[in-house]
Full PDB file with SEQRES, HELIX, SHEET, SSBOND, CRYST1, ORIGX, SCALE, CONECT and MASTER records, all heavy atoms in Angstrom:
SEQRES   1 A   40  VAL PHE ALA LEU GLN GLN ALA ALA SER SER GLU PRO PRO          
SEQRES   2 A   40  LEU LEU ILE ILE GLU ASN ALA HIS GLU LEU ASN PRO SER          
SEQRES   3 A   40  ALA LEU ARG ALA LEU CYS GLU LEU ALA GLU LEU ARG VAL          
SEQRES   4 A   40  ARG                                                          
HELIX    1 AA1 PHE A    2  SER A    9  1                                   8    
HELIX    2 AA2 ALA A   20  GLU A   22  5                                   3    
HELIX    3 AA3 PRO A   25  ALA A   35  1                                  11    
CRYST1    1.000    1.000    1.000  90.00  90.00  90.00 P 1           1          
ORIGX1      1.000000  0.000000  0.000000        0.00000                         
ORIGX2      0.000000  1.000000  0.000000        0.00000                         
ORIGX3      0.000000  0.000000  1.000000        0.00000                         
SCALE1      1.000000  0.000000  0.000000        0.00000                         
SCALE2      0.000000  1.000000  0.000000        0.00000                         
SCALE3      0.000000  0.000000  1.000000        0.00000                         
ATOM      1  N   VAL A   1      16.098 -17.238  30.913  1.00  0.00           N  
ATOM      2  CA  VAL A   1      16.577 -17.630  32.260  1.00  0.00           C  
ATOM      3  C   VAL A   1      16.998 -19.065  32.285  1.00  0.00           C  
ATOM      4  O   VAL A   1      18.016 -19.445  32.885  1.00  0.00           O  
ATOM      5  CB  VAL A   1      15.438 -17.290  33.266  1.00  0.00           C  
ATOM      6  CG1 VAL A   1      15.760 -17.947  34.639  1.00  0.00           C  
ATOM      7  CG2 VAL A   1      15.191 -15.849  33.430  1.00  0.00           C  
ATOM      8  N   PHE A   2      16.214 -19.935  31.642  1.00  0.00           N  
ATOM      9  CA  PHE A   2      16.535 -21.355  31.605  1.00  0.00           C  
ATOM     10  C   PHE A   2      17.923 -21.582  30.969  1.00  0.00           C  
ATOM     11  O   PHE A   2      18.719 -22.266  31.507  1.00  0.00           O  
ATOM     12  CB  PHE A   2      15.511 -22.142  30.840  1.00  0.00           C  
ATOM     13  CG  PHE A   2      15.917 -23.537  30.483  1.00  0.00           C  
ATOM     14  CD1 PHE A   2      15.841 -24.540  31.435  1.00  0.00           C  
ATOM     15  CD2 PHE A   2      16.359 -23.880  29.241  1.00  0.00           C  
ATOM     16  CE1 PHE A   2      16.222 -25.832  31.175  1.00  0.00           C  
ATOM     17  CE2 PHE A   2      16.770 -25.187  28.958  1.00  0.00           C  
ATOM     18  CZ  PHE A   2      16.680 -26.146  29.917  1.00  0.00           C  
ATOM     19  N   ALA A   3      18.155 -20.941  29.836  1.00  0.00           N  
ATOM     20  CA  ALA A   3      19.423 -21.147  29.110  1.00  0.00           C  
ATOM     21  C   ALA A   3      20.627 -20.655  29.939  1.00  0.00           C  
ATOM     22  O   ALA A   3      21.620 -21.309  30.021  1.00  0.00           O  
ATOM     23  CB  ALA A   3      19.367 -20.430  27.772  1.00  0.00           C  
ATOM     24  N   LEU A   4      20.462 -19.513  30.516  1.00  0.00           N  
ATOM     25  CA  LEU A   4      21.511 -18.927  31.316  1.00  0.00           C  
ATOM     26  C   LEU A   4      21.834 -19.820  32.526  1.00  0.00           C  
ATOM     27  O   LEU A   4      22.992 -20.033  32.933  1.00  0.00           O  
ATOM     28  CB  LEU A   4      21.218 -17.512  31.756  1.00  0.00           C  
ATOM     29  CG  LEU A   4      21.213 -16.447  30.625  1.00  0.00           C  
ATOM     30  CD1 LEU A   4      20.657 -15.142  31.101  1.00  0.00           C  
ATOM     31  CD2 LEU A   4      22.621 -16.269  30.070  1.00  0.00           C  
ATOM     32  N   GLN A   5      20.769 -20.294  33.178  1.00  0.00           N  
ATOM     33  CA  GLN A   5      20.924 -21.138  34.368  1.00  0.00           C  
ATOM     34  C   GLN A   5      21.611 -22.472  33.976  1.00  0.00           C  
ATOM     35  O   GLN A   5      22.505 -22.927  34.707  1.00  0.00           O  
ATOM     36  CB  GLN A   5      19.568 -21.403  35.009  1.00  0.00           C  
ATOM     37  CG  GLN A   5      19.628 -22.146  36.362  1.00  0.00           C  
ATOM     38  CD  GLN A   5      19.512 -23.675  36.137  1.00  0.00           C  
ATOM     39  OE1 GLN A   5      18.846 -24.097  35.165  1.00  0.00           O  
ATOM     40  NE2 GLN A   5      20.145 -24.471  37.028  1.00  0.00           N  
ATOM     41  N   GLN A   6      21.208 -23.054  32.873  1.00  0.00           N  
ATOM     42  CA  GLN A   6      21.799 -24.312  32.438  1.00  0.00           C  
ATOM     43  C   GLN A   6      23.251 -24.099  32.054  1.00  0.00           C  
ATOM     44  O   GLN A   6      24.139 -24.917  32.420  1.00  0.00           O  
ATOM     45  CB  GLN A   6      21.043 -24.850  31.244  1.00  0.00           C  
ATOM     46  CG  GLN A   6      19.684 -25.396  31.494  1.00  0.00           C  
ATOM     47  CD  GLN A   6      19.744 -26.786  32.159  1.00  0.00           C  
ATOM     48  OE1 GLN A   6      20.271 -27.695  31.578  1.00  0.00           O  
ATOM     49  NE2 GLN A   6      19.211 -26.854  33.358  1.00  0.00           N  
ATOM     50  N   ALA A   7      23.573 -23.042  31.329  1.00  0.00           N  
ATOM     51  CA  ALA A   7      24.951 -22.776  30.944  1.00  0.00           C  
ATOM     52  C   ALA A   7      25.831 -22.529  32.120  1.00  0.00           C  
ATOM     53  O   ALA A   7      27.032 -22.909  32.140  1.00  0.00           O  
ATOM     54  CB  ALA A   7      24.962 -21.554  30.013  1.00  0.00           C  
ATOM     55  N   ALA A   8      25.324 -21.948  33.190  1.00  0.00           N  
ATOM     56  CA  ALA A   8      26.117 -21.678  34.361  1.00  0.00           C  
ATOM     57  C   ALA A   8      26.297 -22.914  35.222  1.00  0.00           C  
ATOM     58  O   ALA A   8      27.355 -23.106  35.787  1.00  0.00           O  
ATOM     59  CB  ALA A   8      25.420 -20.590  35.223  1.00  0.00           C  
ATOM     60  N   SER A   9      25.314 -23.796  35.327  1.00  0.00           N  
ATOM     61  CA  SER A   9      25.355 -24.945  36.209  1.00  0.00           C  
ATOM     62  C   SER A   9      25.973 -26.148  35.596  1.00  0.00           C  
ATOM     63  O   SER A   9      26.525 -27.020  36.262  1.00  0.00           O  
ATOM     64  CB  SER A   9      24.008 -25.251  36.789  1.00  0.00           C  
ATOM     65  OG  SER A   9      23.114 -25.675  35.771  1.00  0.00           O  
ATOM     66  N   SER A  10      25.820 -26.357  34.259  1.00  0.00           N  
ATOM     67  CA  SER A  10      26.320 -27.562  33.612  1.00  0.00           C  
ATOM     68  C   SER A  10      26.928 -27.219  32.248  1.00  0.00           C  
ATOM     69  O   SER A  10      28.132 -26.984  32.121  1.00  0.00           O  
ATOM     70  CB  SER A  10      25.232 -28.629  33.473  1.00  0.00           C  
ATOM     71  OG  SER A  10      24.145 -28.116  32.819  1.00  0.00           O  
ATOM     72  N   GLU A  11      26.144 -27.106  31.238  1.00  0.00           N  
ATOM     73  CA  GLU A  11      26.587 -26.703  29.902  1.00  0.00           C  
ATOM     74  C   GLU A  11      25.423 -26.083  29.150  1.00  0.00           C  
ATOM     75  O   GLU A  11      24.229 -26.368  29.423  1.00  0.00           O  
ATOM     76  CB  GLU A  11      27.142 -27.873  29.099  1.00  0.00           C  
ATOM     77  CG  GLU A  11      26.204 -29.017  28.808  1.00  0.00           C  
ATOM     78  CD  GLU A  11      26.850 -30.100  28.016  1.00  0.00           C  
ATOM     79  OE1 GLU A  11      27.279 -29.775  26.889  1.00  0.00           O  
ATOM     80  OE2 GLU A  11      26.977 -31.216  28.506  1.00  0.00           O  
ATOM     81  N   PRO A  12      25.682 -25.265  28.137  1.00  0.00           N  
ATOM     82  CA  PRO A  12      24.588 -24.639  27.407  1.00  0.00           C  
ATOM     83  C   PRO A  12      23.685 -25.647  26.740  1.00  0.00           C  
ATOM     84  O   PRO A  12      24.134 -26.636  26.203  1.00  0.00           O  
ATOM     85  CB  PRO A  12      25.317 -23.795  26.327  1.00  0.00           C  
ATOM     86  CG  PRO A  12      26.702 -23.569  26.904  1.00  0.00           C  
ATOM     87  CD  PRO A  12      27.006 -24.797  27.702  1.00  0.00           C  
ATOM     88  N   PRO A  13      22.366 -25.445  26.831  1.00  0.00           N  
ATOM     89  CA  PRO A  13      21.424 -26.315  26.166  1.00  0.00           C  
ATOM     90  C   PRO A  13      21.542 -26.232  24.648  1.00  0.00           C  
ATOM     91  O   PRO A  13      22.078 -25.219  24.127  1.00  0.00           O  
ATOM     92  CB  PRO A  13      20.064 -25.863  26.694  1.00  0.00           C  
ATOM     93  CG  PRO A  13      20.240 -24.492  27.088  1.00  0.00           C  
ATOM     94  CD  PRO A  13      21.688 -24.361  27.538  1.00  0.00           C  
ATOM     95  N   LEU A  14      21.020 -27.198  23.963  1.00  0.00           N  
ATOM     96  CA  LEU A  14      21.042 -27.242  22.498  1.00  0.00           C  
ATOM     97  C   LEU A  14      19.622 -27.210  21.970  1.00  0.00           C  
ATOM     98  O   LEU A  14      18.810 -28.017  22.380  1.00  0.00           O  
ATOM     99  CB  LEU A  14      21.735 -28.529  22.024  1.00  0.00           C  
ATOM    100  CG  LEU A  14      21.755 -28.743  20.476  1.00  0.00           C  
ATOM    101  CD1 LEU A  14      22.532 -27.667  19.778  1.00  0.00           C  
ATOM    102  CD2 LEU A  14      22.310 -30.166  20.201  1.00  0.00           C  
ATOM    103  N   LEU A  15      19.346 -26.256  21.100  1.00  0.00           N  
ATOM    104  CA  LEU A  15      18.034 -26.108  20.467  1.00  0.00           C  
ATOM    105  C   LEU A  15      18.115 -26.404  18.979  1.00  0.00           C  
ATOM    106  O   LEU A  15      18.910 -25.812  18.255  1.00  0.00           O  
ATOM    107  CB  LEU A  15      17.490 -24.707  20.683  1.00  0.00           C  
ATOM    108  CG  LEU A  15      16.182 -24.339  19.953  1.00  0.00           C  
ATOM    109  CD1 LEU A  15      15.041 -25.248  20.372  1.00  0.00           C  
ATOM    110  CD2 LEU A  15      15.864 -22.856  20.152  1.00  0.00           C  
ATOM    111  N   ILE A  16      17.371 -27.432  18.512  1.00  0.00           N  
ATOM    112  CA  ILE A  16      17.366 -27.803  17.124  1.00  0.00           C  
ATOM    113  C   ILE A  16      15.934 -27.514  16.575  1.00  0.00           C  
ATOM    114  O   ILE A  16      14.950 -28.021  17.098  1.00  0.00           O  
ATOM    115  CB  ILE A  16      17.709 -29.259  16.941  1.00  0.00           C  
ATOM    116  CG1 ILE A  16      19.069 -29.572  17.524  1.00  0.00           C  
ATOM    117  CG2 ILE A  16      17.639 -29.661  15.445  1.00  0.00           C  
ATOM    118  CD1 ILE A  16      19.467 -31.080  17.462  1.00  0.00           C  
ATOM    119  N   ILE A  17      15.886 -26.701  15.516  1.00  0.00           N  
ATOM    120  CA  ILE A  17      14.605 -26.313  14.893  1.00  0.00           C  
ATOM    121  C   ILE A  17      14.501 -26.983  13.545  1.00  0.00           C  
ATOM    122  O   ILE A  17      15.274 -26.654  12.644  1.00  0.00           O  
ATOM    123  CB  ILE A  17      14.501 -24.812  14.756  1.00  0.00           C  
ATOM    124  CG1 ILE A  17      14.728 -24.068  16.081  1.00  0.00           C  
ATOM    125  CG2 ILE A  17      13.102 -24.397  14.162  1.00  0.00           C  
ATOM    126  CD1 ILE A  17      13.696 -24.096  17.049  1.00  0.00           C  
ATOM    127  N   GLU A  18      13.553 -27.937  13.400  1.00  0.00           N  
ATOM    128  CA  GLU A  18      13.284 -28.491  12.050  1.00  0.00           C  
ATOM    129  C   GLU A  18      12.307 -27.575  11.344  1.00  0.00           C  
ATOM    130  O   GLU A  18      11.530 -26.802  11.929  1.00  0.00           O  
ATOM    131  CB  GLU A  18      12.691 -29.879  12.199  1.00  0.00           C  
ATOM    132  CG  GLU A  18      13.677 -30.911  12.728  1.00  0.00           C  
ATOM    133  CD  GLU A  18      13.166 -32.299  12.700  1.00  0.00           C  
ATOM    134  OE1 GLU A  18      12.077 -32.578  13.335  1.00  0.00           O  
ATOM    135  OE2 GLU A  18      13.781 -33.162  12.046  1.00  0.00           O  
ATOM    136  N   ASN A  19      12.331 -27.623   9.990  1.00  0.00           N  
ATOM    137  CA  ASN A  19      11.469 -26.786   9.148  1.00  0.00           C  
ATOM    138  C   ASN A  19      11.602 -25.273   9.531  1.00  0.00           C  
ATOM    139  O   ASN A  19      10.631 -24.536   9.671  1.00  0.00           O  
ATOM    140  CB  ASN A  19       9.971 -27.211   9.273  1.00  0.00           C  
ATOM    141  CG  ASN A  19       9.757 -28.573   8.693  1.00  0.00           C  
ATOM    142  OD1 ASN A  19      10.098 -28.822   7.566  1.00  0.00           O  
ATOM    143  ND2 ASN A  19       9.151 -29.473   9.498  1.00  0.00           N  
ATOM    144  N   ALA A  20      12.880 -24.914   9.738  1.00  0.00           N  
ATOM    145  CA  ALA A  20      13.122 -23.526  10.211  1.00  0.00           C  
ATOM    146  C   ALA A  20      12.661 -22.528   9.154  1.00  0.00           C  
ATOM    147  O   ALA A  20      12.358 -21.360   9.487  1.00  0.00           O  
ATOM    148  CB  ALA A  20      14.639 -23.338  10.453  1.00  0.00           C  
ATOM    149  N   HIS A  21      12.607 -22.900   7.903  1.00  0.00           N  
ATOM    150  CA  HIS A  21      12.169 -21.960   6.831  1.00  0.00           C  
ATOM    151  C   HIS A  21      10.712 -21.598   6.940  1.00  0.00           C  
ATOM    152  O   HIS A  21      10.250 -20.644   6.320  1.00  0.00           O  
ATOM    153  CB  HIS A  21      12.441 -22.571   5.458  1.00  0.00           C  
ATOM    154  CG  HIS A  21      11.727 -23.857   5.196  1.00  0.00           C  
ATOM    155  ND1 HIS A  21      12.069 -25.044   5.759  1.00  0.00           N  
ATOM    156  CD2 HIS A  21      10.607 -24.125   4.444  1.00  0.00           C  
ATOM    157  CE1 HIS A  21      11.270 -25.995   5.378  1.00  0.00           C  
ATOM    158  NE2 HIS A  21      10.353 -25.417   4.579  1.00  0.00           N  
ATOM    159  N   GLU A  22       9.941 -22.383   7.714  1.00  0.00           N  
ATOM    160  CA  GLU A  22       8.514 -22.113   7.846  1.00  0.00           C  
ATOM    161  C   GLU A  22       8.171 -21.382   9.120  1.00  0.00           C  
ATOM    162  O   GLU A  22       6.980 -21.228   9.468  1.00  0.00           O  
ATOM    163  CB  GLU A  22       7.734 -23.436   7.756  1.00  0.00           C  
ATOM    164  CG  GLU A  22       7.834 -24.071   6.420  1.00  0.00           C  
ATOM    165  CD  GLU A  22       6.774 -25.151   6.159  1.00  0.00           C  
ATOM    166  OE1 GLU A  22       5.680 -24.986   6.708  1.00  0.00           O  
ATOM    167  OE2 GLU A  22       7.075 -26.131   5.520  1.00  0.00           O  
ATOM    168  N   LEU A  23       9.179 -20.927   9.861  1.00  0.00           N  
ATOM    169  CA  LEU A  23       8.925 -20.147  11.052  1.00  0.00           C  
ATOM    170  C   LEU A  23       8.313 -18.751  10.682  1.00  0.00           C  
ATOM    171  O   LEU A  23       8.689 -18.143   9.651  1.00  0.00           O  
ATOM    172  CB  LEU A  23      10.190 -19.880  11.844  1.00  0.00           C  
ATOM    173  CG  LEU A  23      10.698 -21.051  12.716  1.00  0.00           C  
ATOM    174  CD1 LEU A  23      12.094 -20.718  13.234  1.00  0.00           C  
ATOM    175  CD2 LEU A  23       9.781 -21.334  13.905  1.00  0.00           C  
ATOM    176  N   ASN A  24       7.387 -18.313  11.471  1.00  0.00           N  
ATOM    177  CA  ASN A  24       6.860 -16.975  11.309  1.00  0.00           C  
ATOM    178  C   ASN A  24       7.963 -15.948  11.516  1.00  0.00           C  
ATOM    179  O   ASN A  24       8.869 -16.133  12.316  1.00  0.00           O  
ATOM    180  CB  ASN A  24       5.743 -16.754  12.348  1.00  0.00           C  
ATOM    181  CG  ASN A  24       5.044 -15.448  12.296  1.00  0.00           C  
ATOM    182  OD1 ASN A  24       5.607 -14.453  12.671  1.00  0.00           O  
ATOM    183  ND2 ASN A  24       3.767 -15.499  11.846  1.00  0.00           N  
ATOM    184  N   PRO A  25       7.943 -14.778  10.758  1.00  0.00           N  
ATOM    185  CA  PRO A  25       8.967 -13.782  10.952  1.00  0.00           C  
ATOM    186  C   PRO A  25       9.172 -13.354  12.390  1.00  0.00           C  
ATOM    187  O   PRO A  25      10.292 -13.075  12.837  1.00  0.00           O  
ATOM    188  CB  PRO A  25       8.534 -12.627  10.049  1.00  0.00           C  
ATOM    189  CG  PRO A  25       7.747 -13.322   8.970  1.00  0.00           C  
ATOM    190  CD  PRO A  25       7.046 -14.479   9.627  1.00  0.00           C  
ATOM    191  N   SER A  26       8.055 -13.225  13.132  1.00  0.00           N  
ATOM    192  CA  SER A  26       8.211 -12.854  14.542  1.00  0.00           C  
ATOM    193  C   SER A  26       8.926 -13.872  15.359  1.00  0.00           C  
ATOM    194  O   SER A  26       9.715 -13.571  16.280  1.00  0.00           O  
ATOM    195  CB  SER A  26       6.836 -12.576  15.126  1.00  0.00           C  
ATOM    196  OG  SER A  26       6.071 -13.773  15.234  1.00  0.00           O  
ATOM    197  N   ALA A  27       8.746 -15.171  15.038  1.00  0.00           N  
ATOM    198  CA  ALA A  27       9.456 -16.233  15.681  1.00  0.00           C  
ATOM    199  C   ALA A  27      10.968 -16.157  15.350  1.00  0.00           C  
ATOM    200  O   ALA A  27      11.777 -16.440  16.230  1.00  0.00           O  
ATOM    201  CB  ALA A  27       8.891 -17.575  15.283  1.00  0.00           C  
ATOM    202  N   LEU A  28      11.257 -15.828  14.163  1.00  0.00           N  
ATOM    203  CA  LEU A  28      12.712 -15.605  13.791  1.00  0.00           C  
ATOM    204  C   LEU A  28      13.343 -14.523  14.579  1.00  0.00           C  
ATOM    205  O   LEU A  28      14.517 -14.610  15.004  1.00  0.00           O  
ATOM    206  CB  LEU A  28      12.831 -15.334  12.294  1.00  0.00           C  
ATOM    207  CG  LEU A  28      12.583 -16.484  11.342  1.00  0.00           C  
ATOM    208  CD1 LEU A  28      12.475 -16.008   9.923  1.00  0.00           C  
ATOM    209  CD2 LEU A  28      13.659 -17.558  11.470  1.00  0.00           C  
ATOM    210  N   ARG A  29      12.582 -13.450  14.849  1.00  0.00           N  
ATOM    211  CA  ARG A  29      13.157 -12.369  15.682  1.00  0.00           C  
ATOM    212  C   ARG A  29      13.423 -12.843  17.130  1.00  0.00           C  
ATOM    213  O   ARG A  29      14.383 -12.444  17.741  1.00  0.00           O  
ATOM    214  CB  ARG A  29      12.158 -11.150  15.684  1.00  0.00           C  
ATOM    215  CG  ARG A  29      12.163 -10.396  14.388  1.00  0.00           C  
ATOM    216  CD  ARG A  29      11.499  -9.053  14.545  1.00  0.00           C  
ATOM    217  NE  ARG A  29      10.052  -9.151  14.813  1.00  0.00           N  
ATOM    218  CZ  ARG A  29       9.125  -9.316  13.881  1.00  0.00           C  
ATOM    219  NH1 ARG A  29       9.467  -9.323  12.638  1.00  0.00           N  
ATOM    220  NH2 ARG A  29       7.838  -9.368  14.225  1.00  0.00           N  
ATOM    221  N   ALA A  30      12.489 -13.683  17.601  1.00  0.00           N  
ATOM    222  CA  ALA A  30      12.725 -14.249  18.964  1.00  0.00           C  
ATOM    223  C   ALA A  30      13.964 -15.115  18.999  1.00  0.00           C  
ATOM    224  O   ALA A  30      14.726 -15.061  19.965  1.00  0.00           O  
ATOM    225  CB  ALA A  30      11.528 -15.093  19.378  1.00  0.00           C  
ATOM    226  N   LEU A  31      14.218 -15.899  17.924  1.00  0.00           N  
ATOM    227  CA  LEU A  31      15.459 -16.686  17.879  1.00  0.00           C  
ATOM    228  C   LEU A  31      16.707 -15.767  17.878  1.00  0.00           C  
ATOM    229  O   LEU A  31      17.716 -16.120  18.427  1.00  0.00           O  
ATOM    230  CB  LEU A  31      15.424 -17.565  16.614  1.00  0.00           C  
ATOM    231  CG  LEU A  31      14.569 -18.826  16.680  1.00  0.00           C  
ATOM    232  CD1 LEU A  31      14.765 -19.601  15.360  1.00  0.00           C  
ATOM    233  CD2 LEU A  31      14.952 -19.690  17.869  1.00  0.00           C  
ATOM    234  N   CYS A  32      16.565 -14.620  17.197  1.00  0.00           N  
ATOM    235  CA  CYS A  32      17.650 -13.661  17.176  1.00  0.00           C  
ATOM    236  C   CYS A  32      17.980 -13.179  18.587  1.00  0.00           C  
ATOM    237  O   CYS A  32      19.146 -13.002  18.960  1.00  0.00           O  
ATOM    238  CB  CYS A  32      17.385 -12.518  16.257  1.00  0.00           C  
ATOM    239  SG  CYS A  32      17.455 -12.925  14.488  1.00  0.00           S  
ATOM    240  N   GLU A  33      16.937 -12.908  19.376  1.00  0.00           N  
ATOM    241  CA  GLU A  33      17.151 -12.515  20.773  1.00  0.00           C  
ATOM    242  C   GLU A  33      17.886 -13.571  21.548  1.00  0.00           C  
ATOM    243  O   GLU A  33      18.820 -13.291  22.291  1.00  0.00           O  
ATOM    244  CB  GLU A  33      15.798 -12.249  21.402  1.00  0.00           C  
ATOM    245  CG  GLU A  33      15.032 -11.006  20.898  1.00  0.00           C  
ATOM    246  CD  GLU A  33      15.669  -9.715  21.364  1.00  0.00           C  
ATOM    247  OE1 GLU A  33      16.138  -9.646  22.492  1.00  0.00           O  
ATOM    248  OE2 GLU A  33      15.723  -8.762  20.562  1.00  0.00           O  
ATOM    249  N   LEU A  34      17.457 -14.785  21.362  1.00  0.00           N  
ATOM    250  CA  LEU A  34      18.102 -15.901  22.069  1.00  0.00           C  
ATOM    251  C   LEU A  34      19.514 -16.142  21.612  1.00  0.00           C  
ATOM    252  O   LEU A  34      20.407 -16.538  22.396  1.00  0.00           O  
ATOM    253  CB  LEU A  34      17.264 -17.178  21.938  1.00  0.00           C  
ATOM    254  CG  LEU A  34      15.853 -17.129  22.541  1.00  0.00           C  
ATOM    255  CD1 LEU A  34      15.079 -18.416  22.164  1.00  0.00           C  
ATOM    256  CD2 LEU A  34      15.931 -16.987  24.065  1.00  0.00           C  
ATOM    257  N   ALA A  35      19.776 -15.899  20.339  1.00  0.00           N  
ATOM    258  CA  ALA A  35      21.128 -16.063  19.799  1.00  0.00           C  
ATOM    259  C   ALA A  35      22.151 -15.153  20.417  1.00  0.00           C  
ATOM    260  O   ALA A  35      23.389 -15.391  20.354  1.00  0.00           O  
ATOM    261  CB  ALA A  35      21.102 -15.890  18.275  1.00  0.00           C  
ATOM    262  N   GLU A  36      21.675 -14.044  20.989  1.00  0.00           N  
ATOM    263  CA  GLU A  36      22.602 -13.052  21.563  1.00  0.00           C  
ATOM    264  C   GLU A  36      22.867 -13.300  23.009  1.00  0.00           C  
ATOM    265  O   GLU A  36      23.601 -12.550  23.657  1.00  0.00           O  
ATOM    266  CB  GLU A  36      22.051 -11.635  21.370  1.00  0.00           C  
ATOM    267  CG  GLU A  36      21.991 -11.232  19.841  1.00  0.00           C  
ATOM    268  CD  GLU A  36      21.805  -9.766  19.633  1.00  0.00           C  
ATOM    269  OE1 GLU A  36      20.698  -9.251  20.051  1.00  0.00           O  
ATOM    270  OE2 GLU A  36      22.724  -9.112  19.143  1.00  0.00           O  
ATOM    271  N   LEU A  37      22.273 -14.337  23.617  1.00  0.00           N  
ATOM    272  CA  LEU A  37      22.525 -14.644  25.001  1.00  0.00           C  
ATOM    273  C   LEU A  37      23.986 -15.089  25.171  1.00  0.00           C  
ATOM    274  O   LEU A  37      24.484 -15.980  24.486  1.00  0.00           O  
ATOM    275  CB  LEU A  37      21.573 -15.695  25.520  1.00  0.00           C  
ATOM    276  CG  LEU A  37      20.097 -15.345  25.607  1.00  0.00           C  
ATOM    277  CD1 LEU A  37      19.297 -16.563  26.067  1.00  0.00           C  
ATOM    278  CD2 LEU A  37      19.882 -14.225  26.546  1.00  0.00           C  
ATOM    279  N   ARG A  38      24.678 -14.530  26.194  1.00  0.00           N  
ATOM    280  CA  ARG A  38      26.104 -14.851  26.377  1.00  0.00           C  
ATOM    281  C   ARG A  38      26.353 -15.253  27.825  1.00  0.00           C  
ATOM    282  O   ARG A  38      25.721 -14.783  28.758  1.00  0.00           O  
ATOM    283  CB  ARG A  38      26.931 -13.639  26.068  1.00  0.00           C  
ATOM    284  CG  ARG A  38      26.953 -13.212  24.595  1.00  0.00           C  
ATOM    285  CD  ARG A  38      27.688 -14.201  23.720  1.00  0.00           C  
ATOM    286  NE  ARG A  38      27.823 -13.773  22.329  1.00  0.00           N  
ATOM    287  CZ  ARG A  38      26.921 -14.044  21.410  1.00  0.00           C  
ATOM    288  NH1 ARG A  38      25.840 -14.798  21.725  1.00  0.00           N  
ATOM    289  NH2 ARG A  38      27.097 -13.626  20.185  1.00  0.00           N  
ATOM    290  N   VAL A  39      27.287 -16.187  27.956  1.00  0.00           N  
ATOM    291  CA  VAL A  39      27.905 -16.486  29.219  1.00  0.00           C  
ATOM    292  C   VAL A  39      29.380 -16.258  29.083  1.00  0.00           C  
ATOM    293  O   VAL A  39      29.843 -15.947  27.951  1.00  0.00           O  
ATOM    294  CB  VAL A  39      27.593 -17.934  29.688  1.00  0.00           C  
ATOM    295  CG1 VAL A  39      26.130 -18.107  30.045  1.00  0.00           C  
ATOM    296  CG2 VAL A  39      28.020 -18.940  28.601  1.00  0.00           C  
ATOM    297  N   ARG A  40      30.146 -16.399  30.130  1.00  0.00           N  
ATOM    298  CA  ARG A  40      31.559 -16.031  30.072  1.00  0.00           C  
ATOM    299  C   ARG A  40      32.331 -16.762  28.982  1.00  0.00           C  
ATOM    300  O   ARG A  40      33.146 -16.156  28.292  1.00  0.00           O  
ATOM    301  CB  ARG A  40      32.168 -16.366  31.471  1.00  0.00           C  
ATOM    302  CG  ARG A  40      33.636 -15.902  31.595  1.00  0.00           C  
ATOM    303  CD  ARG A  40      34.150 -16.104  32.992  1.00  0.00           C  
ATOM    304  NE  ARG A  40      34.055 -17.507  33.396  1.00  0.00           N  
ATOM    305  CZ  ARG A  40      34.991 -18.404  33.158  1.00  0.00           C  
ATOM    306  NH1 ARG A  40      36.106 -18.072  32.548  1.00  0.00           N  
ATOM    307  NH2 ARG A  40      34.842 -19.658  33.549  1.00  0.00           N  
TER     308      ARG A  40                                                      
MASTER        0    0    0    3    0    0    0    6  307    1    0    4          
END                                                                             
């Protein structure tokens, strides 16, 4: 909801993940969900 609201009102937010190789597999799946969020 936050990302969609930001993208609609100003510009898409930027998420930077350091040590991405150490994320839990379930966390990677969550990132995949967020990666599919679209605006116009």
